[in-house]
Amino acid sequence: MAVCVCNGAMLRCHLGDMPSVLQVIPSTVNTVSNPAATIMDFTPMLNIMPFGMCGSMSNPAVASINVPGALRARFKAPCIPNTAAPWIPGSNSVLIENLPALNNTSKLLCLWAGIITVMNPGQNSVMVP
């Protein structure tokens, strides 16, 4: 069984060089003491904060400071998350305000080719199937 993710969860992007913190807009459902997250908590710079420096050549800011045709970024640029779709898959049986609850096995895709995962869900006592 997966763990429910809440406000303050630690996130990681495999192309960023620092962890980030999930920001959840307060709702009517809390975990132990923090608002529970849903799959719709994916808005850049509102829910998803920067991950330090980005190393993706798909990011125009990174590509502009690197050698054309390089497979890997040698120089990084500041991360500006570009998440355009909800977390996947989320809980298939627990709804929060009619939306699937976010669990610690869900992933979020950044349009700059990053895969965002949950490092620490922010609490460890509320489980979701």
Protein backbone atom coordinates (compact mmCIF):
# COMPACT_ATOMS: atom_id res chain seq x y z
CA MET A 1 0.00 0.00 0.00
CA ALA A 2 1.27 3.48 -0.87
CA VAL A 3 1.60 6.51 1.41
CA CYS A 4 -0.57 9.61 0.94
CA VAL A 5 1.42 12.70 -0.08
CA CYS A 6 0.79 16.01 1.68
CA ASN A 7 1.93 19.62 1.74
CA GLY A 8 5.66 19.87 2.38
CA ALA A 9 6.55 16.59 0.65
CA MET A 10 10.11 16.45 -0.69
CA LEU A 11 10.33 16.01 -4.47
CA ARG A 12 13.19 15.14 -6.81
CA CYS A 13 13.66 15.71 -10.53
CA HIS A 14 16.25 13.41 -12.08
CA LEU A 15 17.59 16.33 -14.17
CA GLY A 16 17.67 18.89 -11.35
CA ASP A 17 20.49 19.23 -8.85
CA MET A 18 18.44 19.94 -5.70
CA PRO A 19 15.27 18.59 -4.10
CA SER A 20 12.14 20.73 -3.98
CA VAL A 21 9.08 20.99 -1.74
CA LEU A 22 5.49 20.32 -2.86
CA GLN A 23 3.11 23.18 -2.10
CA VAL A 24 -0.51 22.09 -1.67
CA ILE A 25 -3.37 24.58 -1.59
CA PRO A 26 -5.26 23.95 1.68
CA SER A 27 -8.34 21.78 1.17
CA THR A 28 -10.95 20.18 3.36
CA VAL A 29 -8.91 16.97 3.70
CA ASN A 30 -5.78 16.76 5.83
CA THR A 31 -3.38 13.94 6.52
CA VAL A 32 -2.06 13.97 10.09
CA SER A 33 -1.67 17.76 10.11
CA ASN A 34 -1.07 18.95 6.52
CA PRO A 35 -3.36 19.30 3.50
CA ALA A 36 -3.45 16.12 1.41
CA ALA A 37 -2.33 16.37 -2.23
CA THR A 38 -4.19 15.26 -5.34
CA ILE A 39 -2.96 14.43 -8.83
CA MET A 40 -3.95 17.98 -9.85
CA ASP A 41 -1.28 19.58 -7.64
CA PHE A 42 1.12 19.98 -10.58
CA THR A 43 1.10 23.71 -11.43
CA PRO A 44 4.64 25.07 -11.96
CA MET A 45 5.72 27.74 -9.46
CA LEU A 46 2.50 27.23 -7.47
CA ASN A 47 2.69 23.54 -6.50
CA ILE A 48 6.00 22.54 -8.11
CA MET A 49 8.96 24.71 -7.12
CA PRO A 50 12.35 24.78 -8.93
CA PHE A 51 14.90 21.97 -8.50
CA GLY A 52 18.00 24.18 -8.44
CA MET A 53 19.81 23.95 -11.77
CA CYS A 54 18.44 22.03 -14.77
CA GLY A 55 20.64 19.72 -16.85
CA SER A 56 18.20 18.89 -19.66
CA MET A 57 19.14 19.74 -23.23
CA SER A 58 15.38 19.86 -23.92
CA ASN A 59 15.24 23.02 -21.81
CA PRO A 60 15.87 25.98 -24.17
CA ALA A 61 17.77 27.85 -21.45
CA VAL A 62 20.18 24.92 -21.06
CA ALA A 63 20.48 24.27 -24.80
CA SER A 64 21.34 27.93 -25.47
CA ILE A 65 24.48 27.79 -23.31
CA ASN A 66 25.76 24.41 -24.52
CA VAL A 67 27.44 23.18 -27.70
CA PRO A 68 24.88 22.38 -30.42
CA GLY A 69 24.50 18.65 -30.98
CA ALA A 70 25.75 17.66 -27.52
CA LEU A 71 23.92 14.73 -25.97
CA ARG A 72 24.37 15.91 -22.39
CA ALA A 73 24.37 19.39 -20.93
CA ARG A 74 27.78 20.49 -19.74
CA PHE A 75 26.48 23.76 -18.36
CA LYS A 76 23.22 23.99 -16.44
CA ALA A 77 20.62 26.76 -16.25
CA PRO A 78 18.17 27.63 -13.48
CA CYS A 79 15.27 25.18 -13.26
CA ILE A 80 11.86 26.52 -14.21
CA PRO A 81 9.51 23.51 -13.95
CA ASN A 82 7.35 22.96 -17.02
CA THR A 83 4.71 20.48 -15.88
CA ALA A 84 1.62 20.46 -18.09
CA ALA A 85 -0.27 17.32 -17.05
CA PRO A 86 -1.34 15.76 -13.73
CA TRP A 87 0.67 13.30 -11.66
CA ILE A 88 0.30 9.66 -12.78
CA PRO A 89 -1.23 7.35 -11.73
CA GLY A 90 -2.43 8.55 -8.29
CA SER A 91 -4.72 6.48 -6.09
CA ASN A 92 -7.31 4.44 -7.96
CA SER A 93 -9.72 4.25 -5.02
CA VAL A 94 -9.21 7.27 -2.72
CA LEU A 95 -10.66 10.60 -3.84
CA ILE A 96 -10.01 14.01 -2.32
CA GLU A 97 -12.62 16.54 -3.40
CA ASN A 98 -13.49 14.22 -6.34
CA LEU A 99 -9.85 13.94 -7.48
CA PRO A 100 -7.51 10.94 -7.06
CA ALA A 101 -5.23 11.27 -4.02
CA LEU A 102 -1.53 11.65 -4.74
CA ASN A 103 0.58 8.79 -3.42
CA ASN A 104 4.31 8.33 -3.05
CA THR A 105 4.59 6.06 -6.11
CA SER A 106 3.15 8.66 -8.52
CA LYS A 107 5.35 10.44 -11.06
CA LEU A 108 5.13 13.84 -12.72
CA LEU A 109 6.63 14.58 -16.14
CA CYS A 110 8.31 17.87 -16.98
CA LEU A 111 8.20 18.97 -20.62
CA TRP A 112 11.98 19.48 -20.40
CA ALA A 113 12.28 15.63 -20.08
CA GLY A 114 12.55 15.51 -16.29
CA ILE A 115 10.83 12.83 -14.22
CA ILE A 116 9.67 14.13 -10.85
CA THR A 117 9.25 11.65 -8.00
CA VAL A 118 8.35 11.83 -4.31
CA MET A 119 11.40 11.43 -2.03
CA ASN A 120 9.48 11.92 1.22
CA PRO A 121 5.65 12.13 1.28
CA GLY A 122 5.58 14.59 4.19
CA GLN A 123 3.97 12.06 6.56
CA ASN A 124 4.08 8.31 7.01
CA SER A 125 0.88 7.28 8.82
CA VAL A 126 -1.90 7.77 6.24
CA MET A 127 -1.90 5.03 3.60
CA VAL A 128 -3.84 4.94 0.30
CA PRO A 129 -4.35 1.92 -1.97
